[in-house]
PDB file of N, CA and C in Angstrom:
ATOM      1  N   MET A   1       3.796 -13.203  13.261  1.00  0.00           N
ATOM      2  CA  MET A   1       3.284 -11.920  11.794  1.00  0.00           C
ATOM      3  C   MET A   1       4.018 -11.138  12.314  1.00  0.00           C
ATOM      4  N   VAL A   2       4.294 -10.686  10.803  1.00  0.00           N
ATOM      5  CA  VAL A   2       4.634  -8.836  10.863  1.00  0.00           C
ATOM      6  C   VAL A   2       2.945  -8.154   9.877  1.00  0.00           C
ATOM      7  N   LYS A   3       2.820  -6.952  10.908  1.00  0.00           N
ATOM      8  CA  LYS A   3       1.799  -6.408  10.131  1.00  0.00           C
ATOM      9  C   LYS A   3       2.685  -4.982   9.283  1.00  0.00           C
ATOM     10  N   HIS A   4       1.893  -4.822   8.036  1.00  0.00           N
ATOM     11  CA  HIS A   4       2.562  -3.526   7.354  1.00  0.00           C
ATOM     12  C   HIS A   4       1.451  -2.720   6.877  1.00  0.00           C
ATOM     13  N   ILE A   5       1.803  -1.675   7.495  1.00  0.00           N
ATOM     14  CA  ILE A   5       0.350  -0.891   7.054  1.00  0.00           C
ATOM     15  C   ILE A   5       1.149   0.557   6.259  1.00  0.00           C
ATOM     16  N   VAL A   6       0.632   1.260   5.356  1.00  0.00           N
ATOM     17  CA  VAL A   6       1.440   2.697   4.512  1.00  0.00           C
ATOM     18  C   VAL A   6       0.274   2.960   4.198  1.00  0.00           C
ATOM     19  N   PHE A   7       0.011   4.802   4.700  1.00  0.00           N
ATOM     20  CA  PHE A   7      -0.526   5.724   4.082  1.00  0.00           C
ATOM     21  C   PHE A   7      -0.108   6.433   2.797  1.00  0.00           C
ATOM     22  N   PHE A   8      -1.391   6.468   2.322  1.00  0.00           N
ATOM     23  CA  PHE A   8      -0.864   7.242   0.940  1.00  0.00           C
ATOM     24  C   PHE A   8      -1.460   8.437   0.635  1.00  0.00           C
ATOM     25  N   LYS A   9      -1.054   9.881   0.402  1.00  0.00           N
ATOM     26  CA  LYS A   9      -1.317  10.972  -0.224  1.00  0.00           C
ATOM     27  C   LYS A   9      -0.968  11.284  -1.101  1.00  0.00           C
ATOM     28  N   PHE A  10      -2.235  10.829  -2.144  1.00  0.00           N
ATOM     29  CA  PHE A  10      -1.662  12.223  -3.788  1.00  0.00           C
ATOM     30  C   PHE A  10      -2.171  13.261  -4.373  1.00  0.00           C
ATOM     31  N   GLU A  11      -1.138  13.465  -5.010  1.00  0.00           N
ATOM     32  CA  GLU A  11      -1.285  15.032  -5.427  1.00  0.00           C
ATOM     33  C   GLU A  11      -2.513  14.778  -6.225  1.00  0.00           C
ATOM     34  N   ASP A  12      -3.198  14.263  -6.293  1.00  0.00           N
ATOM     35  CA  ASP A  12      -4.050  13.349  -7.478  1.00  0.00           C
ATOM     36  C   ASP A  12      -5.351  13.173  -6.277  1.00  0.00           C
ATOM     37  N   ASN A  13      -5.871  13.421  -5.454  1.00  0.00           N
ATOM     38  CA  ASN A  13      -7.039  13.058  -4.720  1.00  0.00           C
ATOM     39  C   ASN A  13      -8.100  12.551  -4.560  1.00  0.00           C
ATOM     40  N   SER A  14      -8.560  12.465  -6.725  1.00  0.00           N
ATOM     41  CA  SER A  14      -9.592  12.466  -6.890  1.00  0.00           C
ATOM     42  C   SER A  14     -10.096  11.001  -6.584  1.00  0.00           C
ATOM     43  N   ALA A  15     -11.487  10.743  -7.344  1.00  0.00           N
ATOM     44  CA  ALA A  15     -12.100   9.635  -6.803  1.00  0.00           C
ATOM     45  C   ALA A  15     -11.673   8.671  -7.810  1.00  0.00           C
ATOM     46  N   GLU A  16     -11.925   8.894  -8.893  1.00  0.00           N
ATOM     47  CA  GLU A  16     -11.089   7.722 -10.052  1.00  0.00           C
ATOM     48  C   GLU A  16      -9.417   7.430  -9.505  1.00  0.00           C
ATOM     49  N   HIS A  17      -8.978   8.732  -9.447  1.00  0.00           N
ATOM     50  CA  HIS A  17      -7.209   8.179  -9.229  1.00  0.00           C
ATOM     51  C   HIS A  17      -7.100   7.172  -7.879  1.00  0.00           C
ATOM     52  N   LYS A  18      -7.851   7.477  -7.011  1.00  0.00           N
ATOM     53  CA  LYS A  18      -7.664   6.600  -5.658  1.00  0.00           C
ATOM     54  C   LYS A  18      -8.297   5.752  -5.928  1.00  0.00           C
ATOM     55  N   GLN A  19      -8.780   4.952  -6.678  1.00  0.00           N
ATOM     56  CA  GLN A  19      -9.565   4.183  -7.145  1.00  0.00           C
ATOM     57  C   GLN A  19      -8.825   3.225  -8.176  1.00  0.00           C
ATOM     58  N   LEU A  20      -8.137   4.108  -8.769  1.00  0.00           N
ATOM     59  CA  LEU A  20      -7.276   3.031  -9.718  1.00  0.00           C
ATOM     60  C   LEU A  20      -5.731   2.538  -8.904  1.00  0.00           C
ATOM     61  N   VAL A  21      -5.163   3.326  -7.996  1.00  0.00           N
ATOM     62  CA  VAL A  21      -4.483   3.046  -7.006  1.00  0.00           C
ATOM     63  C   VAL A  21      -4.771   1.714  -6.072  1.00  0.00           C
ATOM     64  N   HIS A  22      -5.612   1.779  -5.765  1.00  0.00           N
ATOM     65  CA  HIS A  22      -6.875   1.075  -4.500  1.00  0.00           C
ATOM     66  C   HIS A  22      -6.316  -0.375  -5.439  1.00  0.00           C
ATOM     67  N   ASP A  23      -7.114  -0.429  -6.472  1.00  0.00           N
ATOM     68  CA  ASP A  23      -6.703  -1.628  -7.896  1.00  0.00           C
ATOM     69  C   ASP A  23      -5.459  -2.419  -7.859  1.00  0.00           C
ATOM     70  N   LYS A  24      -4.370  -0.500  -8.582  1.00  0.00           N
ATOM     71  CA  LYS A  24      -3.409  -1.617  -8.602  1.00  0.00           C
ATOM     72  C   LYS A  24      -3.173  -2.530  -7.699  1.00  0.00           C
ATOM     73  N   ILE A  25      -3.207  -2.000  -6.217  1.00  0.00           N
ATOM     74  CA  ILE A  25      -2.265  -2.558  -4.721  1.00  0.00           C
ATOM     75  C   ILE A  25      -3.485  -4.025  -5.279  1.00  0.00           C
ATOM     76  N   MET A  26      -4.618  -3.920  -5.249  1.00  0.00           N
ATOM     77  CA  MET A  26      -5.212  -5.110  -4.743  1.00  0.00           C
ATOM     78  C   MET A  26      -4.414  -6.275  -6.092  1.00  0.00           C
ATOM     79  N   PHE A  27      -4.137  -5.460  -6.883  1.00  0.00           N
ATOM     80  CA  PHE A  27      -3.683  -6.938  -8.325  1.00  0.00           C
ATOM     81  C   PHE A  27      -2.555  -8.031  -7.459  1.00  0.00           C
ATOM     82  N   LEU A  28      -2.133  -7.126  -6.745  1.00  0.00           N
ATOM     83  CA  LEU A  28      -0.875  -8.002  -6.299  1.00  0.00           C
ATOM     84  C   LEU A  28      -1.094  -8.965  -4.974  1.00  0.00           C
ATOM     85  N   LYS A  29      -2.418  -9.336  -4.364  1.00  0.00           N
ATOM     86  CA  LYS A  29      -2.953  -9.991  -3.310  1.00  0.00           C
ATOM     87  C   LYS A  29      -2.680 -11.693  -3.739  1.00  0.00           C
ATOM     88  N   ASP A  30      -2.594 -12.285  -4.768  1.00  0.00           N
ATOM     89  CA  ASP A  30      -2.885 -12.964  -5.446  1.00  0.00           C
ATOM     90  C   ASP A  30      -1.538 -12.791  -6.137  1.00  0.00           C
ATOM     91  N   LYS A  31      -0.876 -12.638  -6.661  1.00  0.00           N
ATOM     92  CA  LYS A  31       0.249 -12.756  -6.920  1.00  0.00           C
ATOM     93  C   LYS A  31       1.379 -12.646  -6.434  1.00  0.00           C
ATOM     94  N   ILE A  32       1.557 -11.903  -5.499  1.00  0.00           N
ATOM     95  CA  ILE A  32       3.373 -12.381  -4.206  1.00  0.00           C
ATOM     96  C   ILE A  32       2.778 -13.223  -3.062  1.00  0.00           C
ATOM     97  N   THR A  33       3.219 -13.982  -3.256  1.00  0.00           N
ATOM     98  CA  THR A  33       2.848 -15.293  -2.564  1.00  0.00           C
ATOM     99  C   THR A  33       2.614 -14.713  -1.241  1.00  0.00           C
ATOM    100  N   VAL A  34       3.559 -14.581  -0.716  1.00  0.00           N
ATOM    101  CA  VAL A  34       4.291 -13.999   0.429  1.00  0.00           C
ATOM    102  C   VAL A  34       3.671 -13.068   1.410  1.00  0.00           C
ATOM    103  N   LEU A  35       2.567 -12.810   0.325  1.00  0.00           N
ATOM    104  CA  LEU A  35       1.265 -11.670   1.364  1.00  0.00           C
ATOM    105  C   LEU A  35       0.200 -12.677   1.795  1.00  0.00           C
ATOM    106  N   LYS A  36       0.262 -12.288   3.110  1.00  0.00           N
ATOM    107  CA  LYS A  36      -0.618 -13.109   3.664  1.00  0.00           C
ATOM    108  C   LYS A  36      -2.502 -12.411   4.041  1.00  0.00           C
ATOM    109  N   HIS A  37      -2.011 -11.586   3.665  1.00  0.00           N
ATOM    110  CA  HIS A  37      -3.454 -10.800   3.808  1.00  0.00           C
ATOM    111  C   HIS A  37      -3.229  -9.217   3.254  1.00  0.00           C
ATOM    112  N   LEU A  38      -4.272  -8.551   2.607  1.00  0.00           N
ATOM    113  CA  LEU A  38      -3.927  -7.828   1.590  1.00  0.00           C
ATOM    114  C   LEU A  38      -5.113  -6.955   2.528  1.00  0.00           C
ATOM    115  N   GLU A  39      -5.603  -5.641   2.608  1.00  0.00           N
ATOM    116  CA  GLU A  39      -6.244  -4.947   1.861  1.00  0.00           C
ATOM    117  C   GLU A  39      -6.213  -3.559   2.432  1.00  0.00           C
ATOM    118  N   VAL A  40      -7.401  -3.239   1.196  1.00  0.00           N
ATOM    119  CA  VAL A  40      -7.034  -1.127   0.835  1.00  0.00           C
ATOM    120  C   VAL A  40      -7.847  -0.671   1.080  1.00  0.00           C
ATOM    121  N   GLY A  41      -8.109   0.719   1.879  1.00  0.00           N
ATOM    122  CA  GLY A  41      -9.044   1.515   1.869  1.00  0.00           C
ATOM    123  C   GLY A  41      -8.549   2.825   1.442  1.00  0.00           C
ATOM    124  N   ILE A  42     -10.090   3.051   1.421  1.00  0.00           N
ATOM    125  CA  ILE A  42      -9.818   4.763   1.068  1.00  0.00           C
ATOM    126  C   ILE A  42     -10.615   5.404   2.077  1.00  0.00           C
ATOM    127  N   ASN A  43      -9.713   6.203   2.036  1.00  0.00           N
ATOM    128  CA  ASN A  43     -10.300   7.576   3.059  1.00  0.00           C
ATOM    129  C   ASN A  43     -11.616   8.010   2.879  1.00  0.00           C
ATOM    130  N   PHE A  44     -12.875   8.369   3.595  1.00  0.00           N
ATOM    131  CA  PHE A  44     -13.796   9.244   3.080  1.00  0.00           C
ATOM    132  C   PHE A  44     -13.807  10.544   4.151  1.00  0.00           C
ATOM    133  N   SER A  45     -13.109  10.828   4.965  1.00  0.00           N
ATOM    134  CA  SER A  45     -12.890  12.057   6.826  1.00  0.00           C
ATOM    135  C   SER A  45     -12.422  12.950   5.289  1.00  0.00           C
ATOM    136  N   PRO A  46     -13.108  14.480   5.689  1.00  0.00           N
ATOM    137  CA  PRO A  46     -12.812  15.181   5.434  1.00  0.00           C
ATOM    138  C   PRO A  46     -11.554  16.264   6.114  1.00  0.00           C
ATOM    139  N   GLU A  47     -11.260  15.538   7.137  1.00  0.00           N
ATOM    140  CA  GLU A  47     -10.004  15.825   8.189  1.00  0.00           C
ATOM    141  C   GLU A  47      -8.484  16.022   7.283  1.00  0.00           C
ATOM    142  N   GLU A  48      -8.055  17.613   7.456  1.00  0.00           N
ATOM    143  CA  GLU A  48      -7.337  18.030   6.907  1.00  0.00           C
ATOM    144  C   GLU A  48      -5.832  16.930   6.984  1.00  0.00           C
ATOM    145  N   ARG A  49      -5.824  16.405   7.930  1.00  0.00           N
ATOM    146  CA  ARG A  49      -4.620  15.674   8.471  1.00  0.00           C
ATOM    147  C   ARG A  49      -4.787  13.978   8.007  1.00  0.00           C
ATOM    148  N   ALA A  50      -5.928  13.567   6.886  1.00  0.00           N
ATOM    149  CA  ALA A  50      -5.762  12.720   6.418  1.00  0.00           C
ATOM    150  C   ALA A  50      -5.061  12.120   5.866  1.00  0.00           C
ATOM    151  N   PHE A  51      -5.130  11.187   5.246  1.00  0.00           N
ATOM    152  CA  PHE A  51      -4.543  10.803   4.229  1.00  0.00           C
ATOM    153  C   PHE A  51      -5.793   9.583   3.237  1.00  0.00           C
ATOM    154  N   ASP A  52      -5.049  10.117   1.938  1.00  0.00           N
ATOM    155  CA  ASP A  52      -6.583   9.488   1.250  1.00  0.00           C
ATOM    156  C   ASP A  52      -6.132   7.495   0.861  1.00  0.00           C
ATOM    157  N   LEU A  53      -5.642   6.943   1.481  1.00  0.00           N
ATOM    158  CA  LEU A  53      -5.650   5.480   1.234  1.00  0.00           C
ATOM    159  C   LEU A  53      -5.013   4.949   2.034  1.00  0.00           C
ATOM    160  N   ALA A  54      -5.599   3.948   2.748  1.00  0.00           N
ATOM    161  CA  ALA A  54      -4.393   2.964   3.448  1.00  0.00           C
ATOM    162  C   ALA A  54      -4.769   1.600   2.916  1.00  0.00           C
ATOM    163  N   LEU A  55      -3.101   1.129   3.572  1.00  0.00           N
ATOM    164  CA  LEU A  55      -2.855  -0.483   2.895  1.00  0.00           C
ATOM    165  C   LEU A  55      -2.617  -1.010   4.371  1.00  0.00           C
ATOM    166  N   ILE A  56      -3.439  -2.299   4.214  1.00  0.00           N
ATOM    167  CA  ILE A  56      -3.011  -3.323   5.583  1.00  0.00           C
ATOM    168  C   ILE A  56      -2.653  -4.686   4.688  1.00  0.00           C
ATOM    169  N   SER A  57      -1.099  -5.144   5.089  1.00  0.00           N
ATOM    170  CA  SER A  57      -0.636  -6.516   5.268  1.00  0.00           C
ATOM    171  C   SER A  57      -0.298  -7.338   5.672  1.00  0.00           C
ATOM    172  N   ASP A  58      -0.734  -8.744   6.362  1.00  0.00           N
ATOM    173  CA  ASP A  58       0.291  -9.150   6.568  1.00  0.00           C
ATOM    174  C   ASP A  58       0.918 -10.481   6.568  1.00  0.00           C
ATOM    175  N   PHE A  59       2.510 -11.105   7.082  1.00  0.00           N
ATOM    176  CA  PHE A  59       3.677 -11.009   6.297  1.00  0.00           C
ATOM    177  C   PHE A  59       3.858 -12.381   7.283  1.00  0.00           C
ATOM    178  N   ALA A  60       4.376 -13.540   7.493  1.00  0.00           N
ATOM    179  CA  ALA A  60       4.694 -14.959   8.148  1.00  0.00           C
ATOM    180  C   ALA A  60       6.126 -13.964   8.792  1.00  0.00           C
ATOM    181  N   SER A  61       7.156 -13.002   8.021  1.00  0.00           N
ATOM    182  CA  SER A  61       8.075 -12.866   9.144  1.00  0.00           C
ATOM    183  C   SER A  61       8.547 -11.604   8.661  1.00  0.00           C
ATOM    184  N   LYS A  62       9.875 -11.079   9.097  1.00  0.00           N
ATOM    185  CA  LYS A  62       9.877 -10.092   8.279  1.00  0.00           C
ATOM    186  C   LYS A  62      10.698 -10.030   7.259  1.00  0.00           C
ATOM    187  N   GLU A  63      11.367 -11.887   7.010  1.00  0.00           N
ATOM    188  CA  GLU A  63      12.375 -12.043   6.053  1.00  0.00           C
ATOM    189  C   GLU A  63      11.105 -12.047   4.439  1.00  0.00           C
ATOM    190  N   ASP A  64       9.797 -12.483   4.779  1.00  0.00           N
ATOM    191  CA  ASP A  64       8.647 -12.012   3.449  1.00  0.00           C
ATOM    192  C   ASP A  64       8.637 -10.677   3.324  1.00  0.00           C
ATOM    193  N   LEU A  65       8.952  -9.712   4.205  1.00  0.00           N
ATOM    194  CA  LEU A  65       7.925  -8.479   4.051  1.00  0.00           C
ATOM    195  C   LEU A  65       9.497  -7.966   3.409  1.00  0.00           C
ATOM    196  N   ALA A  66      10.606  -8.432   3.288  1.00  0.00           N
ATOM    197  CA  ALA A  66      11.844  -7.908   3.024  1.00  0.00           C
ATOM    198  C   ALA A  66      11.832  -8.663   1.127  1.00  0.00           C
ATOM    199  N   SER A  67      11.035  -9.571   1.101  1.00  0.00           N
ATOM    200  CA  SER A  67      10.876 -10.038  -0.020  1.00  0.00           C
ATOM    201  C   SER A  67      10.237  -9.726  -1.137  1.00  0.00           C
ATOM    202  N   TYR A  68       8.709  -9.563   0.033  1.00  0.00           N
ATOM    203  CA  TYR A  68       7.955  -7.984  -0.430  1.00  0.00           C
ATOM    204  C   TYR A  68       8.168  -7.298  -1.047  1.00  0.00           C
ATOM    205  N   ALA A  69       9.071  -6.238  -0.644  1.00  0.00           N
ATOM    206  CA  ALA A  69       9.814  -4.779  -0.925  1.00  0.00           C
ATOM    207  C   ALA A  69      10.548  -5.384  -2.040  1.00  0.00           C
ATOM    208  N   ILE A  70      10.682  -6.301  -2.583  1.00  0.00           N
ATOM    209  CA  ILE A  70      12.084  -5.905  -3.789  1.00  0.00           C
ATOM    210  C   ILE A  70      11.030  -6.753  -5.131  1.00  0.00           C
ATOM    211  N   HIS A  71       9.803  -8.375  -4.931  1.00  0.00           N
ATOM    212  CA  HIS A  71       9.462  -8.209  -5.582  1.00  0.00           C
ATOM    213  C   HIS A  71       9.392  -7.214  -6.683  1.00  0.00           C
ATOM    214  N   PRO A  72       9.486  -7.523  -7.672  1.00  0.00           N
ATOM    215  CA  PRO A  72       9.134  -6.584  -9.046  1.00  0.00           C
ATOM    216  C   PRO A  72       7.841  -6.522  -9.137  1.00  0.00           C
ATOM    217  N   LEU A  73       6.786  -7.035  -9.204  1.00  0.00           N
ATOM    218  CA  LEU A  73       5.180  -6.068  -8.889  1.00  0.00           C
ATOM    219  C   LEU A  73       5.476  -5.495  -8.258  1.00  0.00           C
ATOM    220  N   HIS A  74       5.515  -5.239  -6.972  1.00  0.00           N
ATOM    221  CA  HIS A  74       6.051  -4.373  -6.291  1.00  0.00           C
ATOM    222  C   HIS A  74       6.714  -3.426  -6.037  1.00  0.00           C
ATOM    223  N   VAL A  75       7.829  -3.481  -6.760  1.00  0.00           N
ATOM    224  CA  VAL A  75       8.992  -2.098  -7.128  1.00  0.00           C
ATOM    225  C   VAL A  75       7.976  -1.795  -8.234  1.00  0.00           C
ATOM    226  N   GLU A  76       6.965  -2.329  -9.410  1.00  0.00           N
ATOM    227  CA  GLU A  76       6.700  -1.615 -10.394  1.00  0.00           C
ATOM    228  C   GLU A  76       5.523  -0.430  -9.471  1.00  0.00           C
ATOM    229  N   LEU A  77       4.949  -1.113  -8.702  1.00  0.00           N
ATOM    230  CA  LEU A  77       4.087  -0.026  -8.135  1.00  0.00           C
ATOM    231  C   LEU A  77       4.570   0.758  -7.515  1.00  0.00           C
ATOM    232  N   VAL A  78       5.497   1.053  -6.930  1.00  0.00           N
ATOM    233  CA  VAL A  78       6.604   1.971  -6.348  1.00  0.00           C
ATOM    234  C   VAL A  78       6.791   2.916  -7.039  1.00  0.00           C
ATOM    235  N   THR A  79       7.366   1.873  -8.555  1.00  0.00           N
ATOM    236  CA  THR A  79       7.335   3.428  -9.294  1.00  0.00           C
ATOM    237  C   THR A  79       6.853   3.963  -9.525  1.00  0.00           C
ATOM    238  N   TYR A  80       5.171   3.394 -10.187  1.00  0.00           N
ATOM    239  CA  TYR A  80       4.437   4.356 -10.493  1.00  0.00           C
ATOM    240  C   TYR A  80       3.690   5.262  -9.041  1.00  0.00           C
ATOM    241  N   LEU A  81       3.830   5.008  -7.971  1.00  0.00           N
ATOM    242  CA  LEU A  81       3.281   6.066  -7.029  1.00  0.00           C
ATOM    243  C   LEU A  81       4.481   7.090  -6.805  1.00  0.00           C
ATOM    244  N   LYS A  82       5.406   6.737  -7.052  1.00  0.00           N
ATOM    245  CA  LYS A  82       6.665   8.079  -7.025  1.00  0.00           C
ATOM    246  C   LYS A  82       6.284   9.143  -8.403  1.00  0.00           C
ATOM    247  N   SER A  83       5.862   8.703  -9.022  1.00  0.00           N
ATOM    248  CA  SER A  83       5.559   9.040 -10.311  1.00  0.00           C
ATOM    249  C   SER A  83       4.793  10.073 -10.226  1.00  0.00           C
ATOM    250  N   VAL A  84       3.981   9.978  -9.111  1.00  0.00           N
ATOM    251  CA  VAL A  84       2.966  10.945  -9.123  1.00  0.00           C
ATOM    252  C   VAL A  84       2.709  11.331  -8.125  1.00  0.00           C
ATOM    253  N   ASN A  85       3.510  11.826  -7.361  1.00  0.00           N
ATOM    254  CA  ASN A  85       3.504  12.417  -5.998  1.00  0.00           C
ATOM    255  C   ASN A  85       3.569  12.138  -5.197  1.00  0.00           C
ATOM    256  N   THR A  86       3.635  10.601  -4.684  1.00  0.00           N
ATOM    257  CA  THR A  86       2.531  10.289  -3.660  1.00  0.00           C
ATOM    258  C   THR A  86       3.269  10.520  -2.248  1.00  0.00           C
ATOM    259  N   ILE A  87       3.148  10.752  -1.316  1.00  0.00           N
ATOM    260  CA  ILE A  87       3.502  10.320  -0.489  1.00  0.00           C
ATOM    261  C   ILE A  87       3.149   9.222   0.924  1.00  0.00           C
ATOM    262  N   THR A  88       4.054   8.906   1.787  1.00  0.00           N
ATOM    263  CA  THR A  88       3.494   7.696   2.412  1.00  0.00           C
ATOM    264  C   THR A  88       4.651   8.083   4.187  1.00  0.00           C
ATOM    265  N   LYS A  89       3.757   7.151   4.775  1.00  0.00           N
ATOM    266  CA  LYS A  89       3.936   6.894   6.100  1.00  0.00           C
ATOM    267  C   LYS A  89       3.576   5.563   5.961  1.00  0.00           C
ATOM    268  N   VAL A  90       4.871   4.753   6.995  1.00  0.00           N
ATOM    269  CA  VAL A  90       4.727   3.622   7.076  1.00  0.00           C
ATOM    270  C   VAL A  90       4.853   3.155   8.084  1.00  0.00           C
ATOM    271  N   VAL A  91       4.051   1.893   8.713  1.00  0.00           N
ATOM    272  CA  VAL A  91       4.332   1.872  10.243  1.00  0.00           C
ATOM    273  C   VAL A  91       5.023   0.017  10.009  1.00  0.00           C
ATOM    274  N   ASP A  92       5.654  -0.767  10.370  1.00  0.00           N
ATOM    275  CA  ASP A  92       5.737  -2.368  10.305  1.00  0.00           C
ATOM    276  C   ASP A  92       6.049  -2.879  11.577  1.00  0.00           C
ATOM    277  N   TYR A  93       4.924  -3.800  12.304  1.00  0.00           N
ATOM    278  CA  TYR A  93       5.458  -4.408  13.798  1.00  0.00           C
ATOM    279  C   TYR A  93       5.651  -5.895  13.472  1.00  0.00           C
ATOM    280  N   GLU A  94       5.910  -6.607  14.874  1.00  0.00           N
ATOM    281  CA  GLU A  94       5.557  -7.712  14.841  1.00  0.00           C
ATOM    282  C   GLU A  94       3.863  -7.952  15.996  1.00  0.00           C
ATOM    283  N   TYR A  95       3.390  -9.188  15.647  1.00  0.00           N
ATOM    284  CA  TYR A  95       2.459  -9.246  16.771  1.00  0.00           C
ATOM    285  C   TYR A  95       2.394 -10.580  16.677  1.00  0.00           C
TER     286      TYR A  95
END
């Protein structure tokens, strides 16, 4: 199994925008079959170092993660996130 974790920091970190991104990500849940698990959390910590949102997903293999990365719905989401100046950090690992 592969765990894929992404942290997001938004230029617009309003509650409305964070909820919009949450919903855009969760839309993928039943649309991309290689996604075994998907959760999205909106940060409540006021710390300066905190990111705004976290995505946690599971895949059966590295190949499935690679397939997800190029899936048209995922590419559309990434294009949107880039358009709103999103900073991301990622961790991928096998377990």
